[in-house]
């Protein structure tokens, strides 16, 4: 996403080493106003970047799920995660403010770990109207944006895989527009979680109605078998991003008033 500068993550006292092979048609984002990417600390305060709100994790009342800070969706935890994949229909949004920013994505890590391997599509309202961009990120490196077109209503398919030896493959495609991107990367990831998420680095979501996810798989199996935790994201304007139940890899996230 269009980001503020990100600090280098440190694991065990050593900085993560990242080697990215960016596609010819990709461009590295120039850091600007928003802070992309939140490393979520389970059962505690999520670590947020500039312009974001911090929330203390915990269970909500009234049928809502665990507080995900500015994450909504599902996350499975454990060890040895080798792949995560999901599909969704890119929503049509209404911007509430120029601070609105959101991104559906799939990834490995980021929930209680300092490494993140993820790809997805952002919607940025900083211009006053929604602008869609496809991207991938290997934190602490800045996100990399593809020049491929994305529009509301497009069918998006995203996956992240690893061989467990530091070799990752990030694949993102738009079957409506007819493009696909595959990016290899060398990276020291923890492989300690797998997730399908909608995130707002600014904790300010546009009204996206609902997003339907399907074929959410972890390690080649329907995500249900891993008993993932459902997260709901709070907004600063009294709305909640409410995650539905998970059934054979399918679920939805709705923009609802709390």
C-alpha atoms as a PDB file:
ATOM      1  CA  UNK A   1       0.000   0.000   0.000  1.00  0.00           C
ATOM      2  CA  UNK A   2       1.055   3.619  -0.182  1.00  0.00           C
ATOM      3  CA  UNK A   3       3.079   3.566   2.962  1.00  0.00           C
ATOM      4  CA  UNK A   4       5.019   5.364   5.592  1.00  0.00           C
ATOM      5  CA  UNK A   5       8.549   4.059   6.110  1.00  0.00           C
ATOM      6  CA  UNK A   6       8.647   0.693   7.854  1.00  0.00           C
ATOM      7  CA  UNK A   7      11.190  -0.228  10.490  1.00  0.00           C
ATOM      8  CA  UNK A   8      13.289  -3.341   9.940  1.00  0.00           C
ATOM      9  CA  UNK A   9      11.900  -6.365  11.784  1.00  0.00           C
ATOM     10  CA  UNK A  10      14.247  -8.213  14.097  1.00  0.00           C
ATOM     11  CA  UNK A  11      13.928 -11.889  14.962  1.00  0.00           C
ATOM     12  CA  UNK A  12      16.215 -13.342  17.592  1.00  0.00           C
ATOM     13  CA  UNK A  13      18.365 -10.224  17.463  1.00  0.00           C
ATOM     14  CA  UNK A  14      19.056 -10.522  13.735  1.00  0.00           C
ATOM     15  CA  UNK A  15      17.409  -8.572  10.949  1.00  0.00           C
ATOM     16  CA  UNK A  16      15.364 -10.585   8.461  1.00  0.00           C
ATOM     17  CA  UNK A  17      17.130 -11.079   5.158  1.00  0.00           C
ATOM     18  CA  UNK A  18      14.958 -10.685   2.097  1.00  0.00           C
ATOM     19  CA  UNK A  19      15.681 -11.325  -1.553  1.00  0.00           C
ATOM     20  CA  UNK A  20      12.848 -10.371  -3.906  1.00  0.00           C
ATOM     21  CA  UNK A  21      12.698 -10.984  -7.619  1.00  0.00           C
ATOM     22  CA  UNK A  22      10.290  -8.265  -8.728  1.00  0.00           C
ATOM     23  CA  UNK A  23       8.413  -8.841 -12.003  1.00  0.00           C
ATOM     24  CA  UNK A  24       9.300  -6.577 -14.913  1.00  0.00           C
ATOM     25  CA  UNK A  25       5.921  -4.853 -14.744  1.00  0.00           C
ATOM     26  CA  UNK A  26       6.003  -4.287 -11.001  1.00  0.00           C
ATOM     27  CA  UNK A  27       6.909  -1.066  -9.275  1.00  0.00           C
ATOM     28  CA  UNK A  28       8.051  -0.561  -5.696  1.00  0.00           C
ATOM     29  CA  UNK A  29       5.723   1.810  -3.862  1.00  0.00           C
ATOM     30  CA  UNK A  30       7.126   5.159  -2.809  1.00  0.00           C
ATOM     31  CA  UNK A  31       6.532   5.670   0.940  1.00  0.00           C
ATOM     32  CA  UNK A  32       3.866   8.308   1.468  1.00  0.00           C
ATOM     33  CA  UNK A  33       1.233   8.789   4.142  1.00  0.00           C
ATOM     34  CA  UNK A  34      -0.240   5.423   5.091  1.00  0.00           C
ATOM     35  CA  UNK A  35       1.418   2.648   7.057  1.00  0.00           C
ATOM     36  CA  UNK A  36       0.789  -0.703   5.439  1.00  0.00           C
ATOM     37  CA  UNK A  37       0.840  -3.946   7.319  1.00  0.00           C
ATOM     38  CA  UNK A  38       0.033  -4.758  10.892  1.00  0.00           C
ATOM     39  CA  UNK A  39       1.761  -7.520  12.782  1.00  0.00           C
ATOM     40  CA  UNK A  40      -0.974  -8.756  15.078  1.00  0.00           C
ATOM     41  CA  UNK A  41      -0.008  -9.794  18.590  1.00  0.00           C
ATOM     42  CA  UNK A  42      -2.646 -12.300  19.735  1.00  0.00           C
ATOM     43  CA  UNK A  43      -4.389 -11.583  23.046  1.00  0.00           C
ATOM     44  CA  UNK A  44      -2.610  -8.244  23.313  1.00  0.00           C
ATOM     45  CA  UNK A  45      -2.239  -4.918  21.572  1.00  0.00           C
ATOM     46  CA  UNK A  46      -1.691  -5.118  17.808  1.00  0.00           C
ATOM     47  CA  UNK A  47       1.413  -3.325  16.579  1.00  0.00           C
ATOM     48  CA  UNK A  48       0.141  -0.557  14.320  1.00  0.00           C
ATOM     49  CA  UNK A  49       1.934   1.797  11.989  1.00  0.00           C
ATOM     50  CA  UNK A  50       1.461   5.544  11.612  1.00  0.00           C
ATOM     51  CA  UNK A  51      -2.101   6.781  11.479  1.00  0.00           C
ATOM     52  CA  UNK A  52      -3.559   3.580  12.935  1.00  0.00           C
ATOM     53  CA  UNK A  53      -5.509   2.948  16.110  1.00  0.00           C
ATOM     54  CA  UNK A  54      -4.443   0.338  18.642  1.00  0.00           C
ATOM     55  CA  UNK A  55      -6.985  -2.098  20.063  1.00  0.00           C
ATOM     56  CA  UNK A  56      -6.570  -4.632  22.829  1.00  0.00           C
ATOM     57  CA  UNK A  57      -7.442  -8.131  21.652  1.00  0.00           C
ATOM     58  CA  UNK A  58     -10.261  -9.970  23.369  1.00  0.00           C
ATOM     59  CA  UNK A  59     -13.719 -11.421  22.946  1.00  0.00           C
ATOM     60  CA  UNK A  60     -16.618  -9.133  22.077  1.00  0.00           C
ATOM     61  CA  UNK A  61     -20.209  -9.367  23.133  1.00  0.00           C
ATOM     62  CA  UNK A  62     -23.319  -9.383  20.988  1.00  0.00           C
ATOM     63  CA  UNK A  63     -22.212 -12.086  18.578  1.00  0.00           C
ATOM     64  CA  UNK A  64     -19.000 -10.416  17.447  1.00  0.00           C
ATOM     65  CA  UNK A  65     -15.756 -12.329  17.148  1.00  0.00           C
ATOM     66  CA  UNK A  66     -12.361 -11.744  18.732  1.00  0.00           C
ATOM     67  CA  UNK A  67     -11.101  -8.194  18.326  1.00  0.00           C
ATOM     68  CA  UNK A  68      -8.619  -8.207  15.452  1.00  0.00           C
ATOM     69  CA  UNK A  69      -7.488  -4.588  15.740  1.00  0.00           C
ATOM     70  CA  UNK A  70      -7.571  -3.597  12.077  1.00  0.00           C
ATOM     71  CA  UNK A  71      -7.675  -7.204  10.855  1.00  0.00           C
ATOM     72  CA  UNK A  72     -10.869  -9.083  10.036  1.00  0.00           C
ATOM     73  CA  UNK A  73     -11.060 -12.616   8.677  1.00  0.00           C
ATOM     74  CA  UNK A  74      -9.519 -15.931   9.737  1.00  0.00           C
ATOM     75  CA  UNK A  75      -6.112 -16.884  11.110  1.00  0.00           C
ATOM     76  CA  UNK A  76      -4.736 -20.334  11.920  1.00  0.00           C
ATOM     77  CA  UNK A  77      -1.756 -20.667  14.228  1.00  0.00           C
ATOM     78  CA  UNK A  78       0.791 -23.382  14.855  1.00  0.00           C
ATOM     79  CA  UNK A  79       3.927 -24.242  12.894  1.00  0.00           C
ATOM     80  CA  UNK A  80       5.067 -25.566   9.544  1.00  0.00           C
ATOM     81  CA  UNK A  81       2.557 -23.733   7.372  1.00  0.00           C
ATOM     82  CA  UNK A  82       3.541 -24.205   3.735  1.00  0.00           C
ATOM     83  CA  UNK A  83       0.680 -22.627   1.773  1.00  0.00           C
ATOM     84  CA  UNK A  84      -2.355 -20.393   2.034  1.00  0.00           C
ATOM     85  CA  UNK A  85      -4.732 -19.552  -0.793  1.00  0.00           C
ATOM     86  CA  UNK A  86      -8.119 -17.906  -1.220  1.00  0.00           C
ATOM     87  CA  UNK A  87     -10.389 -16.291  -3.822  1.00  0.00           C
ATOM     88  CA  UNK A  88     -12.699 -13.302  -3.514  1.00  0.00           C
ATOM     89  CA  UNK A  89     -14.755 -10.846  -5.552  1.00  0.00           C
ATOM     90  CA  UNK A  90     -13.280  -7.356  -5.272  1.00  0.00           C
ATOM     91  CA  UNK A  91     -15.928  -5.137  -3.633  1.00  0.00           C
ATOM     92  CA  UNK A  92     -17.320  -1.841  -4.851  1.00  0.00           C
ATOM     93  CA  UNK A  93     -16.752   0.679  -2.063  1.00  0.00           C
ATOM     94  CA  UNK A  94     -17.997   4.084  -0.945  1.00  0.00           C
ATOM     95  CA  UNK A  95     -15.321   6.288   0.579  1.00  0.00           C
ATOM     96  CA  UNK A  96     -16.167   7.832   3.965  1.00  0.00           C
ATOM     97  CA  UNK A  97     -12.992   9.937   4.048  1.00  0.00           C
ATOM     98  CA  UNK A  98      -9.659  10.352   2.294  1.00  0.00           C
ATOM     99  CA  UNK A  99      -8.109   8.355   5.160  1.00  0.00           C
ATOM    100  CA  UNK A 100      -9.966   5.191   4.135  1.00  0.00           C
ATOM    101  CA  UNK A 101      -7.739   2.318   3.085  1.00  0.00           C
ATOM    102  CA  UNK A 102      -8.435  -1.410   2.953  1.00  0.00           C
ATOM    103  CA  UNK A 103      -6.986  -4.564   1.458  1.00  0.00           C
ATOM    104  CA  UNK A 104      -8.180  -8.164   1.239  1.00  0.00           C
ATOM    105  CA  UNK A 105      -5.152 -10.464   1.233  1.00  0.00           C
ATOM    106  CA  UNK A 106      -3.905 -13.972   1.895  1.00  0.00           C
ATOM    107  CA  UNK A 107      -0.662 -14.776   3.624  1.00  0.00           C
ATOM    108  CA  UNK A 108       1.589 -16.723   5.916  1.00  0.00           C
ATOM    109  CA  UNK A 109       2.831 -15.220   9.214  1.00  0.00           C
ATOM    110  CA  UNK A 110       2.090 -11.817  10.747  1.00  0.00           C
ATOM    111  CA  UNK A 111      -0.020 -13.057  13.664  1.00  0.00           C
ATOM    112  CA  UNK A 112       2.371 -12.921  16.600  1.00  0.00           C
ATOM    113  CA  UNK A 113       5.475 -13.101  14.379  1.00  0.00           C
ATOM    114  CA  UNK A 114       7.684 -10.446  12.817  1.00  0.00           C
ATOM    115  CA  UNK A 115       7.670 -11.981   9.349  1.00  0.00           C
ATOM    116  CA  UNK A 116       4.901 -11.548   6.781  1.00  0.00           C
ATOM    117  CA  UNK A 117       4.462 -12.977   3.292  1.00  0.00           C
ATOM    118  CA  UNK A 118       1.241 -11.763   1.686  1.00  0.00           C
ATOM    119  CA  UNK A 119      -0.445 -10.605  -1.517  1.00  0.00           C
ATOM    120  CA  UNK A 120      -3.750  -8.986  -2.330  1.00  0.00           C
ATOM    121  CA  UNK A 121      -5.530  -5.879  -3.607  1.00  0.00           C
ATOM    122  CA  UNK A 122      -5.762  -2.503  -1.863  1.00  0.00           C
ATOM    123  CA  UNK A 123      -8.480   0.115  -2.162  1.00  0.00           C
ATOM    124  CA  UNK A 124      -7.172   3.615  -1.441  1.00  0.00           C
ATOM    125  CA  UNK A 125      -9.488   6.608  -0.945  1.00  0.00           C
ATOM    126  CA  UNK A 126      -6.780   9.254  -0.520  1.00  0.00           C
ATOM    127  CA  UNK A 127      -7.747  10.867  -3.842  1.00  0.00           C
ATOM    128  CA  UNK A 128     -11.390  11.100  -2.765  1.00  0.00           C
ATOM    129  CA  UNK A 129     -12.531   8.111  -4.810  1.00  0.00           C
ATOM    130  CA  UNK A 130     -11.541   4.444  -4.624  1.00  0.00           C
ATOM    131  CA  UNK A 131      -8.408   3.356  -6.485  1.00  0.00           C
ATOM    132  CA  UNK A 132      -7.570  -0.344  -6.759  1.00  0.00           C
ATOM    133  CA  UNK A 133      -4.022  -1.726  -6.845  1.00  0.00           C
ATOM    134  CA  UNK A 134      -2.653  -5.290  -6.794  1.00  0.00           C
ATOM    135  CA  UNK A 135       0.433  -5.838  -4.618  1.00  0.00           C
ATOM    136  CA  UNK A 136       2.596  -8.215  -2.635  1.00  0.00           C
ATOM    137  CA  UNK A 137       4.693  -7.665   0.475  1.00  0.00           C
ATOM    138  CA  UNK A 138       7.522  -9.418   2.295  1.00  0.00           C
ATOM    139  CA  UNK A 139       7.844  -7.330   5.461  1.00  0.00           C
ATOM    140  CA  UNK A 140       9.978  -5.380   6.374  1.00  0.00           C
ATOM    141  CA  UNK A 141      10.468  -4.553   2.676  1.00  0.00           C
ATOM    142  CA  UNK A 142       7.948  -2.075   1.273  1.00  0.00           C
ATOM    143  CA  UNK A 143       4.992  -3.406  -0.718  1.00  0.00           C
ATOM    144  CA  UNK A 144       5.509  -3.948  -4.439  1.00  0.00           C
ATOM    145  CA  UNK A 145       2.696  -2.917  -6.787  1.00  0.00           C
ATOM    146  CA  UNK A 146       1.780  -4.507 -10.079  1.00  0.00           C
ATOM    147  CA  UNK A 147       0.750  -2.346 -13.010  1.00  0.00           C
ATOM    148  CA  UNK A 148      -2.108  -4.723 -13.867  1.00  0.00           C
ATOM    149  CA  UNK A 149      -5.650  -3.283 -13.799  1.00  0.00           C
ATOM    150  CA  UNK A 150      -8.120  -4.145 -11.042  1.00  0.00           C
ATOM    151  CA  UNK A 151     -11.751  -3.034 -10.808  1.00  0.00           C
ATOM    152  CA  UNK A 152     -14.671  -3.614  -8.477  1.00  0.00           C
ATOM    153  CA  UNK A 153     -16.387  -6.893  -9.313  1.00  0.00           C
ATOM    154  CA  UNK A 154     -13.193  -8.636 -10.456  1.00  0.00           C
ATOM    155  CA  UNK A 155     -12.549 -12.224  -9.399  1.00  0.00           C
ATOM    156  CA  UNK A 156      -9.237 -12.339  -7.511  1.00  0.00           C
ATOM    157  CA  UNK A 157      -7.219 -15.461  -6.699  1.00  0.00           C
ATOM    158  CA  UNK A 158      -4.241 -15.242  -4.343  1.00  0.00           C
ATOM    159  CA  UNK A 159      -1.769 -17.686  -2.834  1.00  0.00           C
ATOM    160  CA  UNK A 160       1.500 -17.836  -0.910  1.00  0.00           C
ATOM    161  CA  UNK A 161       3.556 -21.030  -0.781  1.00  0.00           C
ATOM    162  CA  UNK A 162       6.917 -22.055   0.674  1.00  0.00           C
ATOM    163  CA  UNK A 163       9.108 -25.129   0.608  1.00  0.00           C
ATOM    164  CA  UNK A 164      10.070 -24.573   4.238  1.00  0.00           C
ATOM    165  CA  UNK A 165      13.665 -23.773   3.271  1.00  0.00           C
ATOM    166  CA  UNK A 166      13.272 -20.043   2.771  1.00  0.00           C
ATOM    167  CA  UNK A 167      11.909 -20.172  -0.783  1.00  0.00           C
ATOM    168  CA  UNK A 168       8.504 -18.553  -1.330  1.00  0.00           C
ATOM    169  CA  UNK A 169       6.199 -18.125  -4.306  1.00  0.00           C
ATOM    170  CA  UNK A 170       3.503 -15.441  -4.310  1.00  0.00           C
ATOM    171  CA  UNK A 171       0.825 -15.735  -6.971  1.00  0.00           C
ATOM    172  CA  UNK A 172      -1.937 -13.225  -7.661  1.00  0.00           C
ATOM    173  CA  UNK A 173      -4.381 -13.302 -10.560  1.00  0.00           C
ATOM    174  CA  UNK A 174      -7.443 -11.464 -11.796  1.00  0.00           C
ATOM    175  CA  UNK A 175      -9.491 -13.883 -13.868  1.00  0.00           C
ATOM    176  CA  UNK A 176     -11.885 -11.095 -14.917  1.00  0.00           C
ATOM    177  CA  UNK A 177      -9.122  -8.905 -16.367  1.00  0.00           C
ATOM    178  CA  UNK A 178      -7.152 -11.947 -17.562  1.00  0.00           C
ATOM    179  CA  UNK A 179      -3.783 -11.399 -15.871  1.00  0.00           C
ATOM    180  CA  UNK A 180      -1.658 -13.423 -13.459  1.00  0.00           C
ATOM    181  CA  UNK A 181       1.562 -12.621 -11.591  1.00  0.00           C
ATOM    182  CA  UNK A 182       3.970 -15.083  -9.956  1.00  0.00           C
ATOM    183  CA  UNK A 183       6.821 -13.788  -7.816  1.00  0.00           C
ATOM    184  CA  UNK A 184       9.581 -15.931  -6.254  1.00  0.00           C
ATOM    185  CA  UNK A 185      11.293 -14.729  -3.088  1.00  0.00           C
ATOM    186  CA  UNK A 186      13.983 -15.866  -0.660  1.00  0.00           C
ATOM    187  CA  UNK A 187      13.027 -14.975   2.898  1.00  0.00           C
ATOM    188  CA  UNK A 188      13.468 -16.121   6.502  1.00  0.00           C
ATOM    189  CA  UNK A 189       9.830 -16.547   7.536  1.00  0.00           C
ATOM    190  CA  UNK A 190       8.551 -18.153  10.724  1.00  0.00           C
ATOM    191  CA  UNK A 191       5.714 -20.029   8.927  1.00  0.00           C
ATOM    192  CA  UNK A 192       3.789 -19.830  12.209  1.00  0.00           C
ATOM    193  CA  UNK A 193       0.357 -18.716  10.970  1.00  0.00           C
ATOM    194  CA  UNK A 194      -1.796 -18.677   7.851  1.00  0.00           C
ATOM    195  CA  UNK A 195      -4.616 -16.248   7.193  1.00  0.00           C
ATOM    196  CA  UNK A 196      -7.171 -14.701   4.853  1.00  0.00           C
ATOM    197  CA  UNK A 197      -7.738 -11.120   5.981  1.00  0.00           C
ATOM    198  CA  UNK A 198      -9.183  -7.706   5.222  1.00  0.00           C
ATOM    199  CA  UNK A 199      -6.889  -5.071   6.725  1.00  0.00           C
ATOM    200  CA  UNK A 200      -6.929  -1.305   7.080  1.00  0.00           C
ATOM    201  CA  UNK A 201      -3.529   0.125   8.053  1.00  0.00           C
ATOM    202  CA  UNK A 202      -5.279   3.397   8.955  1.00  0.00           C
ATOM    203  CA  UNK A 203      -8.060   1.616  10.894  1.00  0.00           C
ATOM    204  CA  UNK A 204     -10.411   3.598   8.657  1.00  0.00           C
ATOM    205  CA  UNK A 205     -12.450   1.449   6.294  1.00  0.00           C
ATOM    206  CA  UNK A 206     -14.559   2.577   3.362  1.00  0.00           C
ATOM    207  CA  UNK A 207     -18.050   1.138   3.207  1.00  0.00           C
ATOM    208  CA  UNK A 208     -17.368  -2.082   1.309  1.00  0.00           C
ATOM    209  CA  UNK A 209     -20.721  -3.751   1.952  1.00  0.00           C
ATOM    210  CA  UNK A 210     -19.494  -7.325   2.122  1.00  0.00           C
ATOM    211  CA  UNK A 211     -16.680  -9.405   0.673  1.00  0.00           C
ATOM    212  CA  UNK A 212     -17.241 -13.079  -0.106  1.00  0.00           C
ATOM    213  CA  UNK A 213     -14.216 -15.375   0.191  1.00  0.00           C
ATOM    214  CA  UNK A 214     -14.093 -18.908  -1.201  1.00  0.00           C
ATOM    215  CA  UNK A 215     -11.638 -21.793  -1.502  1.00  0.00           C
ATOM    216  CA  UNK A 216      -9.670 -20.698   1.551  1.00  0.00           C
ATOM    217  CA  UNK A 217      -7.123 -23.480   1.864  1.00  0.00           C
ATOM    218  CA  UNK A 218      -4.199 -24.029   4.206  1.00  0.00           C
ATOM    219  CA  UNK A 219      -1.544 -26.580   3.276  1.00  0.00           C
ATOM    220  CA  UNK A 220      -3.823 -27.791   0.488  1.00  0.00           C
ATOM    221  CA  UNK A 221      -6.823 -28.493   2.747  1.00  0.00           C
ATOM    222  CA  UNK A 222      -9.985 -26.514   3.473  1.00  0.00           C
ATOM    223  CA  UNK A 223      -9.049 -24.039   6.204  1.00  0.00           C
ATOM    224  CA  UNK A 224     -11.861 -25.362   8.415  1.00  0.00           C
ATOM    225  CA  UNK A 225      -9.715 -28.371   9.347  1.00  0.00           C
ATOM    226  CA  UNK A 226      -7.219 -26.081  11.099  1.00  0.00           C
ATOM    227  CA  UNK A 227      -9.816 -24.518  13.405  1.00  0.00           C
ATOM    228  CA  UNK A 228      -8.838 -20.929  12.565  1.00  0.00           C
ATOM    229  CA  UNK A 229      -9.805 -17.995  14.779  1.00  0.00           C
ATOM    230  CA  UNK A 230     -12.358 -15.499  13.463  1.00  0.00           C
ATOM    231  CA  UNK A 231     -11.377 -11.844  13.851  1.00  0.00           C
ATOM    232  CA  UNK A 232     -13.458  -8.661  13.586  1.00  0.00           C
ATOM    233  CA  UNK A 233     -11.908  -5.264  12.883  1.00  0.00           C
ATOM    234  CA  UNK A 234     -13.159  -2.085  14.539  1.00  0.00           C
ATOM    235  CA  UNK A 235     -13.420   1.245  12.783  1.00  0.00           C
ATOM    236  CA  UNK A 236     -13.093   4.673  14.334  1.00  0.00           C
ATOM    237  CA  UNK A 237     -16.603   5.613  13.228  1.00  0.00           C
ATOM    238  CA  UNK A 238     -18.657   3.016  15.101  1.00  0.00           C
ATOM    239  CA  UNK A 239     -18.651   0.309  12.440  1.00  0.00           C
ATOM    240  CA  UNK A 240     -17.438  -3.258  12.676  1.00  0.00           C
ATOM    241  CA  UNK A 241     -16.072  -5.579   9.991  1.00  0.00           C
ATOM    242  CA  UNK A 242     -17.903  -8.727  11.017  1.00  0.00           C
ATOM    243  CA  UNK A 243     -16.593 -12.126   9.904  1.00  0.00           C
ATOM    244  CA  UNK A 244     -19.137 -14.878   9.274  1.00  0.00           C
ATOM    245  CA  UNK A 245     -18.823 -18.566  10.042  1.00  0.00           C
ATOM    246  CA  UNK A 246     -16.469 -20.686   7.954  1.00  0.00           C
ATOM    247  CA  UNK A 247     -17.861 -23.510   5.830  1.00  0.00           C
ATOM    248  CA  UNK A 248     -15.662 -25.598   3.546  1.00  0.00           C
ATOM    249  CA  UNK A 249     -13.291 -22.699   2.971  1.00  0.00           C
ATOM    250  CA  UNK A 250     -16.017 -20.098   2.361  1.00  0.00           C
ATOM    251  CA  UNK A 251     -16.905 -17.092   4.515  1.00  0.00           C
ATOM    252  CA  UNK A 252     -17.815 -13.423   4.225  1.00  0.00           C
ATOM    253  CA  UNK A 253     -16.898 -10.175   5.951  1.00  0.00           C
ATOM    254  CA  UNK A 254     -19.582  -7.495   6.286  1.00  0.00           C
ATOM    255  CA  UNK A 255     -19.310  -3.776   7.066  1.00  0.00           C
ATOM    256  CA  UNK A 256     -21.790  -3.419   9.953  1.00  0.00           C
ATOM    257  CA  UNK A 257     -22.681  -0.854  12.574  1.00  0.00           C
ATOM    258  CA  UNK A 258     -21.662  -1.938  16.083  1.00  0.00           C
END
